[in-house]
Amino acid sequence: MRLYRCKTPTDRLCPCGRVARELKVAGLDFETDRVPLSAKPAHRQVIIELTGQPKVPVLVEDDGTATHDSRRIIERIRQLSGGEGS
């Protein structure tokens, strides 16, 4: 899996960090790509191609399925790890 997230250096200050923490707690392997803080389309073209919008976080599963919005991502992580959805 690949997590596209902002460049905030901590996992405590933003929704991207919340998703990263949830992935770690679930024990799921993932790679991280930090994207520019600016949500301008020119700076987040990869994100727009995946989801149609420039906002992060975005989680891309190994099969190419992309999920955006931290709440939806956390629900998906819980499904993948066998935990309950929220």
C-alpha atoms as a PDB file:
ATOM      1  CA  MET A   1       0.000   0.000   0.000  1.00  0.00           C
ATOM      2  CA  ARG A   2       1.028   3.578  -0.520  1.00  0.00           C
ATOM      3  CA  LEU A   3      -0.072   6.531   1.607  1.00  0.00           C
ATOM      4  CA  TYR A   4       0.056   9.938  -0.027  1.00  0.00           C
ATOM      5  CA  ARG A   5       0.189  12.526   2.705  1.00  0.00           C
ATOM      6  CA  CYS A   6       1.222  16.081   3.481  1.00  0.00           C
ATOM      7  CA  LYS A   7       4.729  17.025   4.546  1.00  0.00           C
ATOM      8  CA  THR A   8       3.808  17.623   8.197  1.00  0.00           C
ATOM      9  CA  PRO A   9       6.718  15.946  10.037  1.00  0.00           C
ATOM     10  CA  THR A  10       4.654  14.450  12.844  1.00  0.00           C
ATOM     11  CA  ASP A  11       1.838  11.905  13.011  1.00  0.00           C
ATOM     12  CA  ARG A  12      -0.101  13.990  15.539  1.00  0.00           C
ATOM     13  CA  LEU A  13      -1.086  17.242  13.852  1.00  0.00           C
ATOM     14  CA  CYS A  14      -3.184  16.369  10.826  1.00  0.00           C
ATOM     15  CA  PRO A  15      -5.544  13.800   9.269  1.00  0.00           C
ATOM     16  CA  CYS A  16      -2.612  12.357   7.310  1.00  0.00           C
ATOM     17  CA  GLY A  17      -0.860  11.535  10.578  1.00  0.00           C
ATOM     18  CA  ARG A  18      -4.008   9.953  11.979  1.00  0.00           C
ATOM     19  CA  VAL A  19      -4.138   7.619   8.967  1.00  0.00           C
ATOM     20  CA  ALA A  20      -0.426   6.780   9.326  1.00  0.00           C
ATOM     21  CA  ARG A  21      -0.925   5.956  13.015  1.00  0.00           C
ATOM     22  CA  GLU A  22      -3.891   3.726  12.196  1.00  0.00           C
ATOM     23  CA  LEU A  23      -1.870   1.852   9.553  1.00  0.00           C
ATOM     24  CA  LYS A  24       0.936   1.265  12.056  1.00  0.00           C
ATOM     25  CA  VAL A  25      -1.446   0.064  14.780  1.00  0.00           C
ATOM     26  CA  ALA A  26      -3.105  -2.306  12.295  1.00  0.00           C
ATOM     27  CA  GLY A  27       0.311  -3.703  11.390  1.00  0.00           C
ATOM     28  CA  LEU A  28      -0.200  -3.109   7.667  1.00  0.00           C
ATOM     29  CA  ASP A  29       2.835  -2.583   5.446  1.00  0.00           C
ATOM     30  CA  PHE A  30       2.800   0.693   3.563  1.00  0.00           C
ATOM     31  CA  GLU A  31       5.059   3.181   1.864  1.00  0.00           C
ATOM     32  CA  THR A  32       4.705   6.919   2.274  1.00  0.00           C
ATOM     33  CA  ASP A  33       4.858   9.627  -0.366  1.00  0.00           C
ATOM     34  CA  ARG A  34       4.820  13.141   1.010  1.00  0.00           C
ATOM     35  CA  VAL A  35       3.333  15.659  -1.395  1.00  0.00           C
ATOM     36  CA  PRO A  36       3.692  19.457  -1.443  1.00  0.00           C
ATOM     37  CA  LEU A  37       1.638  21.335   1.124  1.00  0.00           C
ATOM     38  CA  SER A  38       0.023  23.443  -1.580  1.00  0.00           C
ATOM     39  CA  ALA A  39      -3.205  21.885  -2.788  1.00  0.00           C
ATOM     40  CA  LYS A  40      -2.837  23.639  -6.157  1.00  0.00           C
ATOM     41  CA  PRO A  41      -3.570  21.218  -8.976  1.00  0.00           C
ATOM     42  CA  ALA A  42      -0.126  21.686 -10.523  1.00  0.00           C
ATOM     43  CA  HIS A  43       1.517  20.527  -7.287  1.00  0.00           C
ATOM     44  CA  ARG A  44      -0.652  17.469  -6.721  1.00  0.00           C
ATOM     45  CA  GLN A  45      -1.214  16.049 -10.192  1.00  0.00           C
ATOM     46  CA  VAL A  46      -0.713  12.443  -9.021  1.00  0.00           C
ATOM     47  CA  ILE A  47      -3.396  12.867  -6.351  1.00  0.00           C
ATOM     48  CA  ILE A  48      -5.817  14.378  -8.870  1.00  0.00           C
ATOM     49  CA  GLU A  49      -5.214  11.492 -11.272  1.00  0.00           C
ATOM     50  CA  LEU A  50      -5.976   8.991  -8.502  1.00  0.00           C
ATOM     51  CA  THR A  51      -9.041  10.624  -6.954  1.00  0.00           C
ATOM     52  CA  GLY A  52     -10.197  13.559  -9.068  1.00  0.00           C
ATOM     53  CA  GLN A  53      -9.427  16.038  -6.288  1.00  0.00           C
ATOM     54  CA  PRO A  54      -6.173  17.503  -4.838  1.00  0.00           C
ATOM     55  CA  LYS A  55      -6.605  16.705  -1.140  1.00  0.00           C
ATOM     56  CA  VAL A  56      -4.627  14.233   0.950  1.00  0.00           C
ATOM     57  CA  PRO A  57      -4.505  11.746   2.591  1.00  0.00           C
ATOM     58  CA  VAL A  58      -4.986   9.147  -0.119  1.00  0.00           C
ATOM     59  CA  LEU A  59      -4.401   5.437   0.410  1.00  0.00           C
ATOM     60  CA  VAL A  60      -3.683   3.300  -2.651  1.00  0.00           C
ATOM     61  CA  GLU A  61      -3.943  -0.441  -2.148  1.00  0.00           C
ATOM     62  CA  ASP A  62      -1.772  -2.936  -3.998  1.00  0.00           C
ATOM     63  CA  ASP A  63      -4.578  -3.591  -6.500  1.00  0.00           C
ATOM     64  CA  GLY A  64      -4.705   0.133  -7.380  1.00  0.00           C
ATOM     65  CA  THR A  65      -7.845   0.964  -5.403  1.00  0.00           C
ATOM     66  CA  ALA A  66      -7.561   4.538  -4.123  1.00  0.00           C
ATOM     67  CA  THR A  67      -9.431   5.809  -1.073  1.00  0.00           C
ATOM     68  CA  HIS A  68      -9.421   9.439   0.029  1.00  0.00           C
ATOM     69  CA  ASP A  69     -10.817  11.200   3.090  1.00  0.00           C
ATOM     70  CA  SER A  70      -9.224  10.186   6.382  1.00  0.00           C
ATOM     71  CA  ARG A  71     -12.447   8.762   7.845  1.00  0.00           C
ATOM     72  CA  ARG A  72     -13.047   6.510   4.849  1.00  0.00           C
ATOM     73  CA  ILE A  73      -9.400   5.460   4.829  1.00  0.00           C
ATOM     74  CA  ILE A  74      -9.524   4.501   8.502  1.00  0.00           C
ATOM     75  CA  GLU A  75     -12.700   2.475   7.893  1.00  0.00           C
ATOM     76  CA  ARG A  76     -10.907   0.680   5.063  1.00  0.00           C
ATOM     77  CA  ILE A  77      -7.828   0.020   7.208  1.00  0.00           C
ATOM     78  CA  ARG A  78     -10.036  -1.522   9.871  1.00  0.00           C
ATOM     79  CA  GLN A  79     -11.701  -3.742   7.264  1.00  0.00           C
ATOM     80  CA  LEU A  80      -8.338  -4.874   5.932  1.00  0.00           C
ATOM     81  CA  SER A  81      -6.979  -5.622   9.380  1.00  0.00           C
ATOM     82  CA  GLY A  82     -10.096  -7.471  10.533  1.00  0.00           C
ATOM     83  CA  GLY A  83     -11.135  -4.739  12.972  1.00  0.00           C
ATOM     84  CA  GLU A  84     -14.525  -3.090  13.118  1.00  0.00           C
ATOM     85  CA  GLY A  85     -15.435  -0.146  10.910  1.00  0.00           C
ATOM     86  CA  SER A  86     -16.340   3.097  12.583  1.00  0.00           C
END
